[in-house]
Amino acid sequence: MFEIVRWSTFAATAFLAVFGYSDQLRLIFSHKSTVGLSFVMVLISFWSWASYTLYGWFHGDKKIFWPNLVGTIFISLILVSFLIY
């Protein structure tokens, strides 16, 4: 059962990072604006993604580490977009 939950967490996290945030980045760069996004919420999201990435790294859990690393990269790009636009 634990392994099923780990795989489900892996899949959900990977889908959110790849499909959710990539679409948000597409909207930001096509509109050249971050209007409507909360900087504080994106900052808290970065903290969360980075924390889970480190957790996965320190525990040697690849199913937690890799999708959260992808999420950390995408949310970092969204944070950088606040500086650009």
Protein backbone atom coordinates (compact mmCIF):
# COMPACT_ATOMS: atom_id res chain seq x y z
CA MET A 1 0.00 0.00 0.00
CA PHE A 2 2.83 2.39 0.87
CA GLU A 3 4.38 1.87 -2.56
CA ILE A 4 1.06 2.70 -4.26
CA VAL A 5 0.89 5.97 -2.33
CA ARG A 6 4.50 6.77 -3.29
CA TRP A 7 3.79 6.15 -6.99
CA SER A 8 0.59 8.21 -6.79
CA THR A 9 2.51 11.06 -5.16
CA PHE A 10 5.18 10.80 -7.84
CA ALA A 11 2.61 10.91 -10.67
CA ALA A 12 0.55 13.77 -9.20
CA THR A 13 3.63 15.87 -8.48
CA ALA A 14 5.12 15.25 -11.91
CA PHE A 15 1.87 16.14 -13.70
CA LEU A 16 1.45 19.35 -11.69
CA ALA A 17 5.03 20.41 -12.31
CA VAL A 18 5.10 19.60 -16.02
CA PHE A 19 1.58 20.46 -17.16
CA GLY A 20 0.37 22.99 -14.59
CA TYR A 21 3.40 25.21 -14.33
CA SER A 22 4.47 24.97 -17.97
CA ASP A 23 1.05 26.30 -18.98
CA GLN A 24 1.39 29.14 -16.47
CA LEU A 25 4.82 30.00 -17.89
CA ARG A 26 3.39 29.98 -21.41
CA LEU A 27 0.70 32.47 -20.33
CA ILE A 28 3.22 34.71 -18.56
CA PHE A 29 5.58 34.87 -21.53
CA SER A 30 2.83 35.23 -24.14
CA HIS A 31 1.18 38.11 -22.23
CA LYS A 32 4.53 39.44 -21.00
CA SER A 33 2.95 40.00 -17.59
CA THR A 34 2.55 38.42 -14.17
CA VAL A 35 -0.63 40.37 -13.41
CA GLY A 36 -3.02 38.23 -11.42
CA LEU A 37 -0.32 36.14 -9.77
CA SER A 38 0.46 36.57 -6.10
CA PHE A 39 4.20 37.00 -5.55
CA VAL A 40 3.86 35.83 -1.94
CA MET A 41 1.99 32.68 -3.00
CA VAL A 42 4.62 31.87 -5.63
CA LEU A 43 7.36 32.47 -3.05
CA ILE A 44 5.66 30.11 -0.58
CA SER A 45 5.26 27.56 -3.38
CA PHE A 46 8.98 27.80 -4.11
CA TRP A 47 9.73 27.17 -0.43
CA SER A 48 7.44 24.13 -0.43
CA TRP A 49 8.86 22.64 -3.64
CA ALA A 50 12.45 23.23 -2.54
CA SER A 51 11.77 21.70 0.89
CA TYR A 52 10.29 18.53 -0.60
CA THR A 53 13.19 18.34 -3.05
CA LEU A 54 15.68 18.46 -0.19
CA TYR A 55 13.60 15.96 1.79
CA GLY A 56 13.70 13.50 -1.10
CA TRP A 57 17.44 14.06 -1.55
CA PHE A 58 18.31 13.52 2.12
CA HIS A 59 16.10 10.42 2.37
CA GLY A 60 17.38 9.01 -0.91
CA ASP A 61 13.81 8.75 -2.21
CA LYS A 62 13.95 9.25 -5.98
CA LYS A 63 10.15 9.20 -6.31
CA ILE A 64 9.98 12.29 -4.11
CA PHE A 65 13.19 13.97 -5.26
CA TRP A 66 12.88 14.03 -9.08
CA PRO A 67 9.33 15.36 -9.58
CA ASN A 68 9.87 17.94 -6.84
CA LEU A 69 13.12 19.03 -8.47
CA VAL A 70 11.20 19.60 -11.72
CA GLY A 71 8.58 21.56 -9.77
CA THR A 72 11.29 23.63 -8.09
CA ILE A 73 12.77 24.48 -11.48
CA PHE A 74 9.40 25.51 -12.93
CA ILE A 75 8.38 27.59 -9.90
CA SER A 76 11.85 29.22 -10.01
CA LEU A 77 11.17 30.27 -13.60
CA ILE A 78 7.85 31.77 -12.50
CA LEU A 79 9.66 33.65 -9.71
CA VAL A 80 12.21 34.97 -12.21
CA SER A 81 9.35 36.12 -14.45
CA PHE A 82 8.32 38.53 -11.68
CA LEU A 83 11.73 40.18 -12.08
CA ILE A 84 11.50 40.24 -15.87
CA TYR A 85 7.95 41.57 -16.17
